[in-house]
């Protein structure tokens, strides 16, 4: 199973972006998503930003992922 996770774009340098997820930052390729801007939430898979998503969807997905790892339920 493949899983893309939402992360917030915090910096862009050419075709590379720095994204943040739960306090962790990493570099990702924006070659597939050149329209991404700082502040956007993007789905990241295998080091590539693949789709822009809205903030609410990103927060819900991250809450569900945290729940799968044992966090208390926050999404109804």
N, C-alpha and C. Protein backbone atom coordinates (compact mmCIF):
# COMPACT_ATOMS: atom_id res chain seq x y z
N UNK A 1 0.84 -1.18 0.00
CA UNK A 1 0.00 0.00 0.00
C UNK A 1 0.89 1.23 0.00
N UNK A 2 0.53 2.19 -0.80
CA UNK A 2 1.24 3.47 -0.86
C UNK A 2 0.43 4.52 -0.13
N UNK A 3 1.12 5.41 0.53
CA UNK A 3 0.43 6.43 1.32
C UNK A 3 1.09 7.78 1.09
N UNK A 4 0.31 8.76 0.74
CA UNK A 4 0.79 10.14 0.63
C UNK A 4 0.30 10.88 1.87
N UNK A 5 1.18 11.69 2.46
CA UNK A 5 0.81 12.43 3.67
C UNK A 5 0.80 13.92 3.38
N UNK A 6 -0.12 14.65 4.00
CA UNK A 6 -0.16 16.09 3.79
C UNK A 6 0.89 16.80 4.63
N UNK A 7 1.52 17.80 4.04
CA UNK A 7 2.52 18.60 4.73
C UNK A 7 2.41 20.03 4.23
N UNK A 8 2.85 20.98 5.06
CA UNK A 8 2.75 22.39 4.71
C UNK A 8 4.06 22.86 4.08
N UNK A 9 3.95 23.55 2.95
CA UNK A 9 5.13 24.11 2.28
C UNK A 9 5.58 25.34 3.06
N UNK A 10 6.84 25.32 3.51
CA UNK A 10 7.35 26.45 4.29
C UNK A 10 8.45 27.23 3.57
N UNK A 11 8.96 26.64 2.48
CA UNK A 11 10.02 27.32 1.73
C UNK A 11 10.09 26.71 0.33
N UNK A 12 10.42 27.54 -0.66
CA UNK A 12 10.58 27.05 -2.03
C UNK A 12 11.88 27.61 -2.60
N UNK A 13 12.68 26.70 -3.16
CA UNK A 13 13.91 27.06 -3.85
C UNK A 13 13.92 26.33 -5.19
N UNK A 14 13.68 27.07 -6.26
CA UNK A 14 13.59 26.48 -7.59
C UNK A 14 12.53 25.39 -7.59
N UNK A 15 12.89 24.15 -7.93
CA UNK A 15 11.92 23.06 -7.98
C UNK A 15 11.92 22.23 -6.71
N UNK A 16 12.58 22.74 -5.66
CA UNK A 16 12.59 22.04 -4.37
C UNK A 16 11.81 22.84 -3.34
N UNK A 17 11.07 22.13 -2.54
CA UNK A 17 10.35 22.78 -1.45
C UNK A 17 10.71 22.14 -0.13
N UNK A 18 10.64 22.93 0.92
CA UNK A 18 10.81 22.40 2.27
C UNK A 18 9.42 22.35 2.86
N UNK A 19 9.03 21.17 3.38
CA UNK A 19 7.71 21.00 3.96
C UNK A 19 7.85 20.64 5.43
N UNK A 20 6.79 20.91 6.19
CA UNK A 20 6.77 20.61 7.62
C UNK A 20 5.57 19.74 7.94
N UNK A 21 5.82 18.71 8.73
CA UNK A 21 4.76 17.84 9.20
C UNK A 21 5.07 17.45 10.63
N UNK A 22 4.23 17.86 11.56
CA UNK A 22 4.39 17.54 12.98
C UNK A 22 5.76 17.94 13.51
N UNK A 23 6.23 19.11 13.10
CA UNK A 23 7.50 19.62 13.60
C UNK A 23 8.73 19.11 12.87
N UNK A 24 8.54 18.19 11.94
CA UNK A 24 9.65 17.64 11.16
C UNK A 24 9.65 18.28 9.78
N UNK A 25 10.83 18.72 9.33
CA UNK A 25 10.93 19.30 8.00
C UNK A 25 11.73 18.37 7.10
N UNK A 26 11.40 18.42 5.83
CA UNK A 26 12.17 17.67 4.83
C UNK A 26 12.02 18.34 3.49
N UNK A 27 12.99 18.09 2.63
CA UNK A 27 12.96 18.62 1.28
C UNK A 27 12.18 17.67 0.38
N UNK A 28 11.36 18.26 -0.49
CA UNK A 28 10.60 17.46 -1.46
C UNK A 28 10.70 18.12 -2.83
N UNK A 29 10.52 17.34 -3.85
CA UNK A 29 10.50 17.87 -5.21
C UNK A 29 9.14 18.49 -5.51
N UNK A 30 9.18 19.65 -6.13
CA UNK A 30 7.95 20.30 -6.58
C UNK A 30 7.82 20.22 -8.10
N UNK A 31 8.62 19.36 -8.73
CA UNK A 31 8.60 19.26 -10.19
C UNK A 31 7.23 18.85 -10.72
N UNK A 32 6.48 18.06 -9.96
CA UNK A 32 5.14 17.63 -10.39
C UNK A 32 4.06 18.64 -10.03
N UNK A 33 4.43 19.66 -9.25
CA UNK A 33 3.46 20.61 -8.74
C UNK A 33 4.05 22.03 -8.73
N UNK A 34 4.42 22.54 -9.90
CA UNK A 34 5.08 23.84 -9.95
C UNK A 34 4.21 25.00 -9.47
N UNK A 35 2.91 24.80 -9.39
CA UNK A 35 2.01 25.87 -8.93
C UNK A 35 1.94 25.99 -7.42
N UNK A 36 2.59 25.09 -6.68
CA UNK A 36 2.57 25.14 -5.21
C UNK A 36 3.25 26.41 -4.72
N UNK A 37 2.71 26.97 -3.66
CA UNK A 37 3.24 28.20 -3.06
C UNK A 37 3.47 27.98 -1.56
N UNK A 38 4.32 28.82 -0.97
CA UNK A 38 4.54 28.78 0.48
C UNK A 38 3.20 28.95 1.17
N UNK A 39 2.93 28.10 2.16
CA UNK A 39 1.66 28.13 2.88
C UNK A 39 0.67 27.09 2.40
N UNK A 40 0.87 26.56 1.21
CA UNK A 40 -0.01 25.50 0.70
C UNK A 40 0.23 24.20 1.45
N UNK A 41 -0.80 23.39 1.52
CA UNK A 41 -0.67 22.01 2.01
C UNK A 41 -0.64 21.10 0.80
N UNK A 42 0.34 20.20 0.77
CA UNK A 42 0.51 19.31 -0.37
C UNK A 42 0.58 17.87 0.11
N UNK A 43 0.14 16.95 -0.74
CA UNK A 43 0.30 15.53 -0.46
C UNK A 43 1.69 15.13 -0.94
N UNK A 44 2.45 14.48 -0.05
CA UNK A 44 3.82 14.09 -0.36
C UNK A 44 3.92 12.57 -0.35
N UNK A 45 4.51 12.05 -1.40
CA UNK A 45 4.76 10.61 -1.50
C UNK A 45 6.12 10.41 -2.14
N UNK A 46 6.96 9.61 -1.52
CA UNK A 46 8.28 9.24 -2.05
C UNK A 46 9.11 10.46 -2.43
N UNK A 47 8.99 11.53 -1.63
CA UNK A 47 9.81 12.71 -1.86
C UNK A 47 9.27 13.68 -2.89
N UNK A 48 8.06 13.45 -3.38
CA UNK A 48 7.45 14.33 -4.38
C UNK A 48 6.13 14.89 -3.87
N UNK A 49 5.93 16.20 -4.03
CA UNK A 49 4.62 16.82 -3.78
C UNK A 49 3.75 16.48 -4.98
N UNK A 50 2.57 15.92 -4.72
CA UNK A 50 1.76 15.40 -5.82
C UNK A 50 0.43 16.13 -6.03
N UNK A 51 -0.08 16.79 -4.99
CA UNK A 51 -1.39 17.44 -5.10
C UNK A 51 -1.51 18.48 -3.99
N UNK A 52 -2.14 19.61 -4.31
CA UNK A 52 -2.45 20.61 -3.29
C UNK A 52 -3.78 20.22 -2.65
N UNK A 53 -3.84 20.29 -1.32
CA UNK A 53 -5.07 19.99 -0.60
C UNK A 53 -5.39 21.16 0.33
N UNK A 54 -6.65 21.27 0.72
CA UNK A 54 -7.01 22.36 1.62
C UNK A 54 -6.57 22.03 3.05
N UNK A 55 -6.46 23.06 3.87
CA UNK A 55 -5.95 22.92 5.23
C UNK A 55 -6.80 21.97 6.07
N UNK A 56 -8.13 22.05 5.94
CA UNK A 56 -9.01 21.19 6.73
C UNK A 56 -8.77 19.71 6.40
N UNK A 57 -8.66 19.39 5.13
CA UNK A 57 -8.40 18.00 4.74
C UNK A 57 -7.05 17.53 5.27
N UNK A 58 -6.05 18.40 5.21
CA UNK A 58 -4.72 18.05 5.72
C UNK A 58 -4.78 17.77 7.22
N UNK A 59 -5.47 18.63 7.96
CA UNK A 59 -5.58 18.44 9.41
C UNK A 59 -6.33 17.16 9.76
N UNK A 60 -7.41 16.87 9.05
CA UNK A 60 -8.17 15.64 9.30
C UNK A 60 -7.32 14.41 9.02
N UNK A 61 -6.61 14.41 7.91
CA UNK A 61 -5.76 13.27 7.56
C UNK A 61 -4.66 13.08 8.59
N UNK A 62 -4.02 14.16 9.00
CA UNK A 62 -2.96 14.05 10.00
C UNK A 62 -3.50 13.57 11.34
N UNK A 63 -4.71 13.99 11.71
CA UNK A 63 -5.32 13.52 12.95
C UNK A 63 -5.62 12.02 12.87
N UNK A 64 -6.10 11.56 11.74
CA UNK A 64 -6.38 10.13 11.57
C UNK A 64 -5.09 9.31 11.59
N UNK A 65 -4.03 9.83 10.98
CA UNK A 65 -2.74 9.13 11.03
C UNK A 65 -2.22 9.06 12.46
N UNK A 66 -2.37 10.14 13.22
CA UNK A 66 -1.95 10.13 14.62
C UNK A 66 -2.77 9.13 15.42
N UNK A 67 -4.07 9.06 15.13
CA UNK A 67 -4.94 8.10 15.81
C UNK A 67 -4.49 6.66 15.54
N UNK A 68 -4.07 6.39 14.30
CA UNK A 68 -3.59 5.06 13.96
C UNK A 68 -2.34 4.70 14.77
N UNK A 69 -1.60 5.73 15.19
CA UNK A 69 -0.39 5.51 15.98
C UNK A 69 -0.65 5.61 17.47
N UNK A 70 -1.92 5.58 17.88
CA UNK A 70 -2.25 5.52 19.29
C UNK A 70 -2.70 6.82 19.94
N UNK A 71 -2.79 7.90 19.19
CA UNK A 71 -3.26 9.15 19.76
C UNK A 71 -4.77 9.06 20.03
N UNK A 72 -5.28 9.86 20.96
CA UNK A 72 -6.72 9.86 21.21
C UNK A 72 -7.50 10.30 19.97
N UNK A 73 -8.71 9.80 19.84
CA UNK A 73 -9.56 10.12 18.69
C UNK A 73 -9.95 11.59 18.73
N UNK A 74 -9.74 12.31 17.60
CA UNK A 74 -10.10 13.71 17.51
C UNK A 74 -11.00 14.00 16.33
N UNK A 75 -11.11 13.04 15.41
CA UNK A 75 -11.95 13.22 14.22
C UNK A 75 -13.23 12.44 14.40
N UNK A 76 -14.35 13.12 14.19
CA UNK A 76 -15.65 12.44 14.37
C UNK A 76 -16.20 12.02 13.04
